[in-house]
Amino acid sequence: MDFYNYLNAIISYNLLGSTNLWIPSKNCYAKACYNKKKYDYNISKNYRISSQKNPVNIFFGTGKVQIAYATDDIHLGSIKNQEFGIANYMSDDPFSDMQFDGLFGLGISEDIKRKGLIYDNIPRNSSRKNVFSIYYPKSVDDNGAITFGGYDKKYIEPNSNIDWFVVSSKKYWTIKMTGIKINGLFLEICSGNIEGYCDAVIDTGTSSIAGPKNGVEKEYELTSNDYIVNSFKVDPILKTPCNFAFMPINISSPNGYLYVFILESIILYFHMYTHIILGQVFLQKYYAIFEKDNMRIGISAP
């Protein structure tokens, strides 16, 4: 992504839970900024300081950035006067080891006072809608893809349907989930909820499938040879059929299996979670389409 002639940055499209676009500032002297490409506002003719002049801290699972808001023109559909964040501080963990410079948030914004999601500001026409879709590579030799304005049919098998789910939250890309079927056994991990379902957040910023401690422990009571690694349980050799039960329909893994072992897929549990997180492990199995205007998510086997 280019900020015209002053920066050619590698942007991570991580975190469907974030609405912010931010990049490192030339004034960032933290260790995590050393090897990053930095934004120099002195070179830009269109740079403007935002009306919100106080720095803002954005916290992630294991780190934070401190940003100041500004506006500039961006090469993504020729967006003019787009608000974004300039990071003057990035924590060493996890950003020092990350192979990207900044973050492009594709989350849902409730804040009507801000422009919010940058994608909302891309010029539209009758054929380009407020939709984006994500394809995750299946191997290191494969390339991932993000499509703005629709979806790419080449990532959907000819006989595969697109199953649509209503977004159940105004804060995150969330759909209703009733459970997971592993090895033919349906695990009612949401049975503790009065409604009979729990919210499943689809998030590119999470590498695993994660959920409430009690629910995930129920899952692993059905398997043998489990052991504990730090804060989660995993079976190192488990290869089992896995179906995901959403409302109103169920979908199955396109190849019939979800691999659950340390190097490929991990199901985590955390005390703080009250919902399910479907991260990159899930997205590598499916092609996901996110419709902002209709507030729905499409899932299909690639």
C-alpha atoms as a PDB file:
ATOM      1  CA  MET A   1       0.000   0.000   0.000  1.00  0.00           C
ATOM      2  CA  ASP A   2       1.320   3.450  -0.877  1.00  0.00           C
ATOM      3  CA  PHE A   3       0.812   6.703   0.965  1.00  0.00           C
ATOM      4  CA  TYR A   4       1.543   8.319  -2.385  1.00  0.00           C
ATOM      5  CA  ASN A   5       5.292   9.020  -2.660  1.00  0.00           C
ATOM      6  CA  TYR A   6       6.240   9.036   0.984  1.00  0.00           C
ATOM      7  CA  LEU A   7       5.809   5.421   1.995  1.00  0.00           C
ATOM      8  CA  ASN A   8       5.553   2.030   0.318  1.00  0.00           C
ATOM      9  CA  ALA A   9       4.641  -0.104   3.304  1.00  0.00           C
ATOM     10  CA  ILE A  10       3.839  -3.739   3.866  1.00  0.00           C
ATOM     11  CA  ILE A  11       0.476  -3.719   5.596  1.00  0.00           C
ATOM     12  CA  SER A  12      -0.954  -6.616   7.559  1.00  0.00           C
ATOM     13  CA  TYR A  13      -4.646  -7.243   6.927  1.00  0.00           C
ATOM     14  CA  ASN A  14      -4.796  -8.808  10.359  1.00  0.00           C
ATOM     15  CA  LEU A  15      -7.433  -8.309  12.983  1.00  0.00           C
ATOM     16  CA  LEU A  16     -10.973  -8.254  11.741  1.00  0.00           C
ATOM     17  CA  GLY A  17     -11.596  -6.957  15.246  1.00  0.00           C
ATOM     18  CA  SER A  18      -9.732  -3.703  14.538  1.00  0.00           C
ATOM     19  CA  THR A  19     -11.014  -0.734  12.544  1.00  0.00           C
ATOM     20  CA  ASN A  20      -7.757   1.206  12.609  1.00  0.00           C
ATOM     21  CA  LEU A  21      -5.238   1.783   9.869  1.00  0.00           C
ATOM     22  CA  TRP A  22      -1.874   2.641  11.355  1.00  0.00           C
ATOM     23  CA  ILE A  23       1.763   2.775  10.255  1.00  0.00           C
ATOM     24  CA  PRO A  24       5.039   3.600  12.043  1.00  0.00           C
ATOM     25  CA  SER A  25       6.102   7.226  12.245  1.00  0.00           C
ATOM     26  CA  LYS A  26       9.594   8.466  11.428  1.00  0.00           C
ATOM     27  CA  ASN A  27       9.641   9.562  15.079  1.00  0.00           C
ATOM     28  CA  CYS A  28       9.218   6.022  16.397  1.00  0.00           C
ATOM     29  CA  TYR A  29      12.485   5.040  18.071  1.00  0.00           C
ATOM     30  CA  ALA A  30      11.282   1.889  19.798  1.00  0.00           C
ATOM     31  CA  LYS A  31      13.141  -1.318  18.993  1.00  0.00           C
ATOM     32  CA  ALA A  32      10.106  -2.675  17.153  1.00  0.00           C
ATOM     33  CA  CYS A  33      10.329   0.241  14.688  1.00  0.00           C
ATOM     34  CA  TYR A  34      13.986  -0.262  13.720  1.00  0.00           C
ATOM     35  CA  ASN A  35      13.398  -2.427  10.663  1.00  0.00           C
ATOM     36  CA  LYS A  36      10.067  -0.909   9.638  1.00  0.00           C
ATOM     37  CA  LYS A  37       9.334   1.468   6.792  1.00  0.00           C
ATOM     38  CA  LYS A  38       8.234   4.723   8.388  1.00  0.00           C
ATOM     39  CA  TYR A  39       5.862   7.497   7.392  1.00  0.00           C
ATOM     40  CA  ASP A  40       7.445  10.960   6.985  1.00  0.00           C
ATOM     41  CA  TYR A  41       4.720  13.572   7.175  1.00  0.00           C
ATOM     42  CA  ASN A  42       7.181  16.341   6.229  1.00  0.00           C
ATOM     43  CA  ILE A  43       7.289  15.034   2.668  1.00  0.00           C
ATOM     44  CA  SER A  44       3.529  14.908   2.226  1.00  0.00           C
ATOM     45  CA  LYS A  45       1.638  17.886   0.837  1.00  0.00           C
ATOM     46  CA  ASN A  46      -1.712  16.508   1.972  1.00  0.00           C
ATOM     47  CA  TYR A  47      -0.845  15.554   5.556  1.00  0.00           C
ATOM     48  CA  ARG A  48      -3.142  17.064   8.157  1.00  0.00           C
ATOM     49  CA  ILE A  49      -3.225  16.653  11.925  1.00  0.00           C
ATOM     50  CA  SER A  50      -6.500  15.158  13.110  1.00  0.00           C
ATOM     51  CA  SER A  51      -8.868  17.053  15.369  1.00  0.00           C
ATOM     52  CA  GLN A  52      -8.074  14.394  17.987  1.00  0.00           C
ATOM     53  CA  LYS A  53      -4.584  15.528  18.915  1.00  0.00           C
ATOM     54  CA  ASN A  54      -4.020  13.425  22.037  1.00  0.00           C
ATOM     55  CA  PRO A  55      -2.157  10.119  21.507  1.00  0.00           C
ATOM     56  CA  VAL A  56      -4.230   6.950  21.731  1.00  0.00           C
ATOM     57  CA  ASN A  57      -3.066   3.575  23.046  1.00  0.00           C
ATOM     58  CA  ILE A  58      -4.273   0.528  21.119  1.00  0.00           C
ATOM     59  CA  PHE A  59      -3.861  -2.752  22.991  1.00  0.00           C
ATOM     60  CA  PHE A  60      -3.483  -6.170  21.413  1.00  0.00           C
ATOM     61  CA  GLY A  61      -3.239  -9.598  23.010  1.00  0.00           C
ATOM     62  CA  THR A  62       0.468  -9.317  23.802  1.00  0.00           C
ATOM     63  CA  GLY A  63       1.382  -5.733  23.056  1.00  0.00           C
ATOM     64  CA  LYS A  64       0.346  -2.206  22.229  1.00  0.00           C
ATOM     65  CA  VAL A  65       0.985   0.730  19.934  1.00  0.00           C
ATOM     66  CA  GLN A  66       0.604   4.424  20.664  1.00  0.00           C
ATOM     67  CA  ILE A  67      -0.722   6.422  17.745  1.00  0.00           C
ATOM     68  CA  ALA A  68      -1.593   9.982  16.822  1.00  0.00           C
ATOM     69  CA  TYR A  69      -4.348  10.456  14.245  1.00  0.00           C
ATOM     70  CA  ALA A  70      -3.796  12.300  10.969  1.00  0.00           C
ATOM     71  CA  THR A  71      -5.273  12.441   7.469  1.00  0.00           C
ATOM     72  CA  ASP A  72      -3.655  11.949   4.072  1.00  0.00           C
ATOM     73  CA  ASP A  73      -4.337  10.549   0.603  1.00  0.00           C
ATOM     74  CA  ILE A  74      -3.928   6.793   0.181  1.00  0.00           C
ATOM     75  CA  HIS A  75      -3.451   4.602  -2.882  1.00  0.00           C
ATOM     76  CA  LEU A  76      -6.336   2.205  -2.348  1.00  0.00           C
ATOM     77  CA  GLY A  77      -9.085   3.213  -4.725  1.00  0.00           C
ATOM     78  CA  SER A  78      -7.605   6.744  -4.612  1.00  0.00           C
ATOM     79  CA  ILE A  79      -8.950   7.536  -1.156  1.00  0.00           C
ATOM     80  CA  LYS A  80      -8.730  11.206  -0.288  1.00  0.00           C
ATOM     81  CA  ASN A  81      -8.438  12.738   3.163  1.00  0.00           C
ATOM     82  CA  GLN A  82      -8.448   9.396   4.988  1.00  0.00           C
ATOM     83  CA  GLU A  83      -7.880   9.339   8.725  1.00  0.00           C
ATOM     84  CA  PHE A  84      -5.175   6.942   9.929  1.00  0.00           C
ATOM     85  CA  GLY A  85      -2.848   6.448  12.855  1.00  0.00           C
ATOM     86  CA  ILE A  86       0.852   7.281  13.019  1.00  0.00           C
ATOM     87  CA  ALA A  87       2.551   5.027  15.544  1.00  0.00           C
ATOM     88  CA  ASN A  88       5.136   6.773  17.687  1.00  0.00           C
ATOM     89  CA  TYR A  89       5.578   3.684  19.854  1.00  0.00           C
ATOM     90  CA  MET A  90       5.294  -0.060  19.170  1.00  0.00           C
ATOM     91  CA  SER A  91       5.941  -2.645  21.863  1.00  0.00           C
ATOM     92  CA  ASP A  92       8.784  -5.056  21.278  1.00  0.00           C
ATOM     93  CA  ASP A  93       6.444  -8.020  21.744  1.00  0.00           C
ATOM     94  CA  PRO A  94       5.039  -8.932  19.284  1.00  0.00           C
ATOM     95  CA  PHE A  95       5.918  -6.320  16.639  1.00  0.00           C
ATOM     96  CA  SER A  96       9.706  -6.780  16.491  1.00  0.00           C
ATOM     97  CA  ASP A  97       9.272 -10.212  14.950  1.00  0.00           C
ATOM     98  CA  MET A  98       6.407  -9.305  12.631  1.00  0.00           C
ATOM     99  CA  GLN A  99       7.113  -9.140   8.899  1.00  0.00           C
ATOM    100  CA  PHE A 100       4.810  -6.191   8.287  1.00  0.00           C
ATOM    101  CA  ASP A 101       5.064  -2.467   8.898  1.00  0.00           C
ATOM    102  CA  GLY A 102       1.537  -1.502   9.908  1.00  0.00           C
ATOM    103  CA  LEU A 103      -2.003  -2.727  10.262  1.00  0.00           C
ATOM    104  CA  PHE A 104      -5.080  -2.337   8.058  1.00  0.00           C
ATOM    105  CA  GLY A 105      -8.178  -2.867  10.188  1.00  0.00           C
ATOM    106  CA  LEU A 106     -11.215  -4.426   8.531  1.00  0.00           C
ATOM    107  CA  GLY A 107     -13.395  -4.594  11.604  1.00  0.00           C
ATOM    108  CA  ILE A 108     -16.842  -3.153  12.238  1.00  0.00           C
ATOM    109  CA  SER A 109     -16.999   0.316  13.769  1.00  0.00           C
ATOM    110  CA  GLU A 110     -19.793   1.586  15.998  1.00  0.00           C
ATOM    111  CA  ASP A 111     -18.173   4.987  16.445  1.00  0.00           C
ATOM    112  CA  ILE A 112     -20.132   7.372  14.220  1.00  0.00           C
ATOM    113  CA  LYS A 113     -17.840  10.246  15.182  1.00  0.00           C
ATOM    114  CA  ARG A 114     -14.911   8.734  13.290  1.00  0.00           C
ATOM    115  CA  LYS A 115     -14.601   7.688   9.680  1.00  0.00           C
ATOM    116  CA  GLY A 116     -13.889   4.223  11.017  1.00  0.00           C
ATOM    117  CA  LEU A 117     -13.215   1.443   8.557  1.00  0.00           C
ATOM    118  CA  ILE A 118     -11.058   2.712   5.730  1.00  0.00           C
ATOM    119  CA  TYR A 119     -12.875   0.439   3.311  1.00  0.00           C
ATOM    120  CA  ASP A 120     -16.079   2.406   3.889  1.00  0.00           C
ATOM    121  CA  ASN A 121     -14.400   5.348   2.178  1.00  0.00           C
ATOM    122  CA  ILE A 122     -13.409   3.652  -1.085  1.00  0.00           C
ATOM    123  CA  PRO A 123     -15.395   5.157  -3.996  1.00  0.00           C
ATOM    124  CA  ARG A 124     -18.179   2.802  -5.095  1.00  0.00           C
ATOM    125  CA  ASN A 125     -20.100   2.084  -8.235  1.00  0.00           C
ATOM    126  CA  SER A 126     -22.861  -0.369  -9.129  1.00  0.00           C
ATOM    127  CA  SER A 127     -20.411  -3.257  -9.490  1.00  0.00           C
ATOM    128  CA  ARG A 128     -18.146  -2.541  -6.508  1.00  0.00           C
ATOM    129  CA  LYS A 129     -19.952  -3.055  -3.236  1.00  0.00           C
ATOM    130  CA  ASN A 130     -18.968  -2.685   0.391  1.00  0.00           C
ATOM    131  CA  VAL A 131     -17.707  -6.259   0.443  1.00  0.00           C
ATOM    132  CA  PHE A 132     -14.322  -7.865   0.922  1.00  0.00           C
ATOM    133  CA  SER A 133     -13.295 -11.501   0.870  1.00  0.00           C
ATOM    134  CA  ILE A 134     -10.306 -13.374   2.241  1.00  0.00           C
ATOM    135  CA  TYR A 135      -8.508 -16.454   0.949  1.00  0.00           C
ATOM    136  CA  TYR A 136      -5.855 -17.991   3.160  1.00  0.00           C
ATOM    137  CA  PRO A 137      -3.049 -20.031   1.575  1.00  0.00           C
ATOM    138  CA  LYS A 138      -3.071 -23.758   2.225  1.00  0.00           C
ATOM    139  CA  SER A 139       0.735 -24.066   2.181  1.00  0.00           C
ATOM    140  CA  VAL A 140       3.852 -21.903   2.249  1.00  0.00           C
ATOM    141  CA  ASP A 141       4.063 -22.227  -1.530  1.00  0.00           C
ATOM    142  CA  ASP A 142       0.571 -20.814  -2.001  1.00  0.00           C
ATOM    143  CA  ASN A 143      -0.408 -17.139  -2.037  1.00  0.00           C
ATOM    144  CA  GLY A 144      -3.254 -15.679  -0.038  1.00  0.00           C
ATOM    145  CA  ALA A 145      -5.599 -13.051  -1.437  1.00  0.00           C
ATOM    146  CA  ILE A 146      -7.931 -10.302  -0.344  1.00  0.00           C
ATOM    147  CA  THR A 147     -10.561  -9.012  -2.765  1.00  0.00           C
ATOM    148  CA  PHE A 148     -12.288  -5.659  -2.346  1.00  0.00           C
ATOM    149  CA  GLY A 149     -15.693  -4.979  -3.871  1.00  0.00           C
ATOM    150  CA  GLY A 150     -16.823  -8.600  -4.143  1.00  0.00           C
ATOM    151  CA  TYR A 151     -15.344 -12.093  -4.186  1.00  0.00           C
ATOM    152  CA  ASP A 152     -13.209 -14.112  -6.588  1.00  0.00           C
ATOM    153  CA  LYS A 153     -14.993 -17.167  -7.971  1.00  0.00           C
ATOM    154  CA  LYS A 154     -11.715 -18.982  -8.597  1.00  0.00           C
ATOM    155  CA  TYR A 155     -11.472 -19.593  -4.855  1.00  0.00           C
ATOM    156  CA  ILE A 156     -14.841 -21.361  -4.770  1.00  0.00           C
ATOM    157  CA  GLU A 157     -15.188 -24.903  -6.080  1.00  0.00           C
ATOM    158  CA  PRO A 158     -17.731 -25.297  -8.928  1.00  0.00           C
ATOM    159  CA  ASN A 159     -20.108 -27.464  -6.893  1.00  0.00           C
ATOM    160  CA  SER A 160     -19.646 -25.605  -3.634  1.00  0.00           C
ATOM    161  CA  ASN A 161     -22.304 -23.309  -2.176  1.00  0.00           C
ATOM    162  CA  ILE A 162     -21.848 -20.055  -0.309  1.00  0.00           C
ATOM    163  CA  ASP A 163     -23.546 -20.337   3.084  1.00  0.00           C
ATOM    164  CA  TRP A 164     -24.588 -16.954   4.469  1.00  0.00           C
ATOM    165  CA  PHE A 165     -24.762 -16.065   8.161  1.00  0.00           C
ATOM    166  CA  VAL A 166     -26.153 -12.908   9.734  1.00  0.00           C
ATOM    167  CA  VAL A 167     -23.629 -10.900  11.742  1.00  0.00           C
ATOM    168  CA  SER A 168     -24.826 -11.037  15.346  1.00  0.00           C
ATOM    169  CA  SER A 169     -22.774  -8.171  16.796  1.00  0.00           C
ATOM    170  CA  LYS A 170     -22.242  -4.497  16.026  1.00  0.00           C
ATOM    171  CA  LYS A 171     -18.659  -4.645  17.273  1.00  0.00           C
ATOM    172  CA  TYR A 172     -17.104  -7.691  15.593  1.00  0.00           C
ATOM    173  CA  TRP A 173     -17.544  -9.995  12.630  1.00  0.00           C
ATOM    174  CA  THR A 174     -19.534 -12.450  14.723  1.00  0.00           C
ATOM    175  CA  ILE A 175     -21.973 -15.233  13.852  1.00  0.00           C
ATOM    176  CA  LYS A 176     -24.073 -17.532  16.016  1.00  0.00           C
ATOM    177  CA  MET A 177     -22.583 -20.937  16.792  1.00  0.00           C
ATOM    178  CA  THR A 178     -24.216 -23.873  18.564  1.00  0.00           C
ATOM    179  CA  GLY A 179     -21.327 -26.316  18.820  1.00  0.00           C
ATOM    180  CA  ILE A 180     -18.648 -28.396  17.154  1.00  0.00           C
ATOM    181  CA  LYS A 181     -18.918 -32.004  16.069  1.00  0.00           C
ATOM    182  CA  ILE A 182     -15.671 -33.923  16.489  1.00  0.00           C
ATOM    183  CA  ASN A 183     -15.334 -37.504  15.340  1.00  0.00           C
ATOM    184  CA  GLY A 184     -19.110 -37.798  15.038  1.00  0.00           C
ATOM    185  CA  LEU A 185     -19.830 -36.515  18.554  1.00  0.00           C
ATOM    186  CA  PHE A 186     -21.603 -33.175  18.894  1.00  0.00           C
ATOM    187  CA  LEU A 187     -20.015 -30.994  21.552  1.00  0.00           C
ATOM    188  CA  GLU A 188     -22.483 -28.532  23.013  1.00  0.00           C
ATOM    189  CA  ILE A 189     -19.873 -26.002  24.036  1.00  0.00           C
ATOM    190  CA  CYS A 190     -22.546 -23.290  24.042  1.00  0.00           C
ATOM    191  CA  SER A 191     -25.049 -25.246  26.140  1.00  0.00           C
ATOM    192  CA  GLY A 192     -24.462 -22.980  29.125  1.00  0.00           C
ATOM    193  CA  ASN A 193     -26.081 -20.072  27.322  1.00  0.00           C
ATOM    194  CA  ILE A 194     -29.824 -19.589  27.718  1.00  0.00           C
ATOM    195  CA  GLU A 195     -30.179 -18.834  24.016  1.00  0.00           C
ATOM    196  CA  GLY A 196     -28.573 -22.146  23.084  1.00  0.00           C
ATOM    197  CA  TYR A 197     -25.821 -20.566  21.044  1.00  0.00           C
ATOM    198  CA  CYS A 198     -22.652 -18.568  21.555  1.00  0.00           C
ATOM    199  CA  ASP A 199     -21.028 -15.861  19.494  1.00  0.00           C
ATOM    200  CA  ALA A 200     -18.220 -17.000  17.209  1.00  0.00           C
ATOM    201  CA  VAL A 201     -15.869 -14.216  16.154  1.00  0.00           C
ATOM    202  CA  ILE A 202     -14.105 -14.705  12.827  1.00  0.00           C
ATOM    203  CA  ASP A 203     -10.695 -13.090  13.260  1.00  0.00           C
ATOM    204  CA  THR A 204      -7.621 -13.060  11.022  1.00  0.00           C
ATOM    205  CA  GLY A 205      -5.569 -11.796  13.954  1.00  0.00           C
ATOM    206  CA  THR A 206      -5.916 -15.071  15.866  1.00  0.00           C
ATOM    207  CA  SER A 207      -3.928 -18.051  14.641  1.00  0.00           C
ATOM    208  CA  SER A 208      -5.992 -20.688  16.429  1.00  0.00           C
ATOM    209  CA  ILE A 209      -9.505 -21.728  17.317  1.00  0.00           C
ATOM    210  CA  ALA A 210     -10.115 -20.517  20.853  1.00  0.00           C
ATOM    211  CA  GLY A 211     -12.976 -20.583  23.280  1.00  0.00           C
ATOM    212  CA  PRO A 212     -14.157 -20.508  26.888  1.00  0.00           C
ATOM    213  CA  LYS A 213     -12.195 -22.761  29.243  1.00  0.00           C
ATOM    214  CA  ASN A 214     -15.168 -24.896  30.289  1.00  0.00           C
ATOM    215  CA  GLY A 215     -16.340 -25.447  26.734  1.00  0.00           C
ATOM    216  CA  VAL A 216     -12.949 -26.427  25.371  1.00  0.00           C
ATOM    217  CA  GLU A 217     -12.268 -28.756  28.301  1.00  0.00           C
ATOM    218  CA  LYS A 218     -15.520 -30.555  27.460  1.00  0.00           C
ATOM    219  CA  GLU A 219     -14.208 -31.122  23.950  1.00  0.00           C
ATOM    220  CA  TYR A 220     -11.026 -32.741  25.104  1.00  0.00           C
ATOM    221  CA  GLU A 221     -12.742 -35.035  27.566  1.00  0.00           C
ATOM    222  CA  LEU A 222     -13.730 -36.948  24.436  1.00  0.00           C
ATOM    223  CA  THR A 223     -10.134 -37.570  23.340  1.00  0.00           C
ATOM    224  CA  SER A 224      -7.327 -39.608  24.833  1.00  0.00           C
ATOM    225  CA  ASN A 225      -3.596 -39.051  25.278  1.00  0.00           C
ATOM    226  CA  ASP A 226      -4.074 -35.348  25.941  1.00  0.00           C
ATOM    227  CA  TYR A 227      -1.397 -33.348  27.625  1.00  0.00           C
ATOM    228  CA  ILE A 228      -1.107 -29.756  28.773  1.00  0.00           C
ATOM    229  CA  VAL A 229       1.225 -27.262  27.107  1.00  0.00           C
ATOM    230  CA  ASN A 230       1.272 -23.955  28.981  1.00  0.00           C
ATOM    231  CA  SER A 231      -2.384 -22.850  29.065  1.00  0.00           C
ATOM    232  CA  PHE A 232      -3.964 -25.168  26.531  1.00  0.00           C
ATOM    233  CA  LYS A 233      -4.539 -28.826  25.821  1.00  0.00           C
ATOM    234  CA  VAL A 234      -3.695 -30.490  22.546  1.00  0.00           C
ATOM    235  CA  ASP A 235      -3.486 -33.976  21.156  1.00  0.00           C
ATOM    236  CA  PRO A 236      -0.281 -34.160  19.077  1.00  0.00           C
ATOM    237  CA  ILE A 237      -1.561 -36.814  16.672  1.00  0.00           C
ATOM    238  CA  LEU A 238      -5.276 -36.111  16.498  1.00  0.00           C
ATOM    239  CA  LYS A 239      -6.720 -36.046  12.994  1.00  0.00           C
ATOM    240  CA  THR A 240     -10.467 -36.110  13.267  1.00  0.00           C
ATOM    241  CA  PRO A 241     -13.563 -35.209  11.246  1.00  0.00           C
ATOM    242  CA  CYS A 242     -14.796 -31.839  12.442  1.00  0.00           C
ATOM    243  CA  ASN A 243     -18.035 -30.040  11.630  1.00  0.00           C
ATOM    244  CA  PHE A 244     -18.979 -26.543  12.747  1.00  0.00           C
ATOM    245  CA  ALA A 245     -22.607 -26.020  13.738  1.00  0.00           C
ATOM    246  CA  PHE A 246     -23.887 -22.515  13.130  1.00  0.00           C
ATOM    247  CA  MET A 247     -27.367 -21.064  13.029  1.00  0.00           C
ATOM    248  CA  PRO A 248     -29.322 -21.929  10.967  1.00  0.00           C
ATOM    249  CA  ILE A 249     -27.137 -24.513   9.163  1.00  0.00           C
ATOM    250  CA  ASN A 250     -24.068 -26.653   9.675  1.00  0.00           C
ATOM    251  CA  ILE A 251     -20.934 -26.717   7.578  1.00  0.00           C
ATOM    252  CA  SER A 252     -18.202 -29.308   7.432  1.00  0.00           C
ATOM    253  CA  SER A 253     -14.520 -29.113   6.791  1.00  0.00           C
ATOM    254  CA  PRO A 254     -14.020 -29.321   3.003  1.00  0.00           C
ATOM    255  CA  ASN A 255     -11.505 -32.136   3.310  1.00  0.00           C
ATOM    256  CA  GLY A 256     -13.431 -33.712   6.173  1.00  0.00           C
ATOM    257  CA  TYR A 257     -10.748 -33.108   8.771  1.00  0.00           C
ATOM    258  CA  LEU A 258      -9.517 -30.537  11.205  1.00  0.00           C
ATOM    259  CA  TYR A 259      -5.922 -31.183  12.180  1.00  0.00           C
ATOM    260  CA  VAL A 260      -5.370 -30.568  15.871  1.00  0.00           C
ATOM    261  CA  PHE A 261      -1.739 -30.669  16.812  1.00  0.00           C
ATOM    262  CA  ILE A 262       0.947 -28.227  17.729  1.00  0.00           C
ATOM    263  CA  LEU A 263       2.379 -27.309  14.351  1.00  0.00           C
ATOM    264  CA  GLU A 264      -0.827 -26.993  12.330  1.00  0.00           C
ATOM    265  CA  SER A 265      -3.942 -26.278  14.347  1.00  0.00           C
ATOM    266  CA  ILE A 266      -4.445 -25.585  18.016  1.00  0.00           C
ATOM    267  CA  ILE A 267      -7.662 -25.259  19.965  1.00  0.00           C
ATOM    268  CA  LEU A 268      -7.010 -22.998  22.934  1.00  0.00           C
ATOM    269  CA  TYR A 269      -8.976 -22.098  26.005  1.00  0.00           C
ATOM    270  CA  PHE A 270      -8.800 -18.934  28.064  1.00  0.00           C
ATOM    271  CA  HIS A 271     -10.557 -17.939  31.271  1.00  0.00           C
ATOM    272  CA  MET A 272     -11.336 -14.496  29.840  1.00  0.00           C
ATOM    273  CA  TYR A 273     -13.181 -15.760  26.752  1.00  0.00           C
ATOM    274  CA  THR A 274     -16.951 -15.940  26.746  1.00  0.00           C
ATOM    275  CA  HIS A 275     -17.166 -16.573  23.016  1.00  0.00           C
ATOM    276  CA  ILE A 276     -15.525 -18.705  20.362  1.00  0.00           C
ATOM    277  CA  ILE A 277     -12.703 -17.304  18.220  1.00  0.00           C
ATOM    278  CA  LEU A 278     -12.392 -18.807  14.743  1.00  0.00           C
ATOM    279  CA  GLY A 279      -8.915 -17.765  13.649  1.00  0.00           C
ATOM    280  CA  GLN A 280      -6.572 -18.595  10.808  1.00  0.00           C
ATOM    281  CA  VAL A 281      -6.949 -22.337  11.352  1.00  0.00           C
ATOM    282  CA  PHE A 282     -10.624 -21.995  10.432  1.00  0.00           C
ATOM    283  CA  LEU A 283     -10.040 -19.506   7.624  1.00  0.00           C
ATOM    284  CA  GLN A 284      -7.513 -21.801   5.960  1.00  0.00           C
ATOM    285  CA  LYS A 285     -10.345 -24.289   5.480  1.00  0.00           C
ATOM    286  CA  TYR A 286     -12.872 -21.875   4.011  1.00  0.00           C
ATOM    287  CA  TYR A 287     -13.223 -18.882   1.732  1.00  0.00           C
ATOM    288  CA  ALA A 288     -14.811 -16.054   3.738  1.00  0.00           C
ATOM    289  CA  ILE A 289     -16.860 -13.168   2.319  1.00  0.00           C
ATOM    290  CA  PHE A 290     -17.702 -10.159   4.487  1.00  0.00           C
ATOM    291  CA  GLU A 291     -20.632  -7.947   3.447  1.00  0.00           C
ATOM    292  CA  LYS A 292     -20.707  -4.705   5.422  1.00  0.00           C
ATOM    293  CA  ASP A 293     -23.909  -3.270   3.934  1.00  0.00           C
ATOM    294  CA  ASN A 294     -25.944  -6.444   4.490  1.00  0.00           C
ATOM    295  CA  MET A 295     -24.114  -7.342   7.723  1.00  0.00           C
ATOM    296  CA  ARG A 296     -23.571 -10.969   6.798  1.00  0.00           C
ATOM    297  CA  ILE A 297     -20.691 -13.395   6.276  1.00  0.00           C
ATOM    298  CA  GLY A 298     -20.469 -15.946   3.486  1.00  0.00           C
ATOM    299  CA  ILE A 299     -18.490 -19.160   3.947  1.00  0.00           C
ATOM    300  CA  SER A 300     -17.582 -21.576   1.181  1.00  0.00           C
ATOM    301  CA  ALA A 301     -15.133 -24.404   0.552  1.00  0.00           C
ATOM    302  CA  PRO A 302     -12.217 -23.153  -1.593  1.00  0.00           C
END
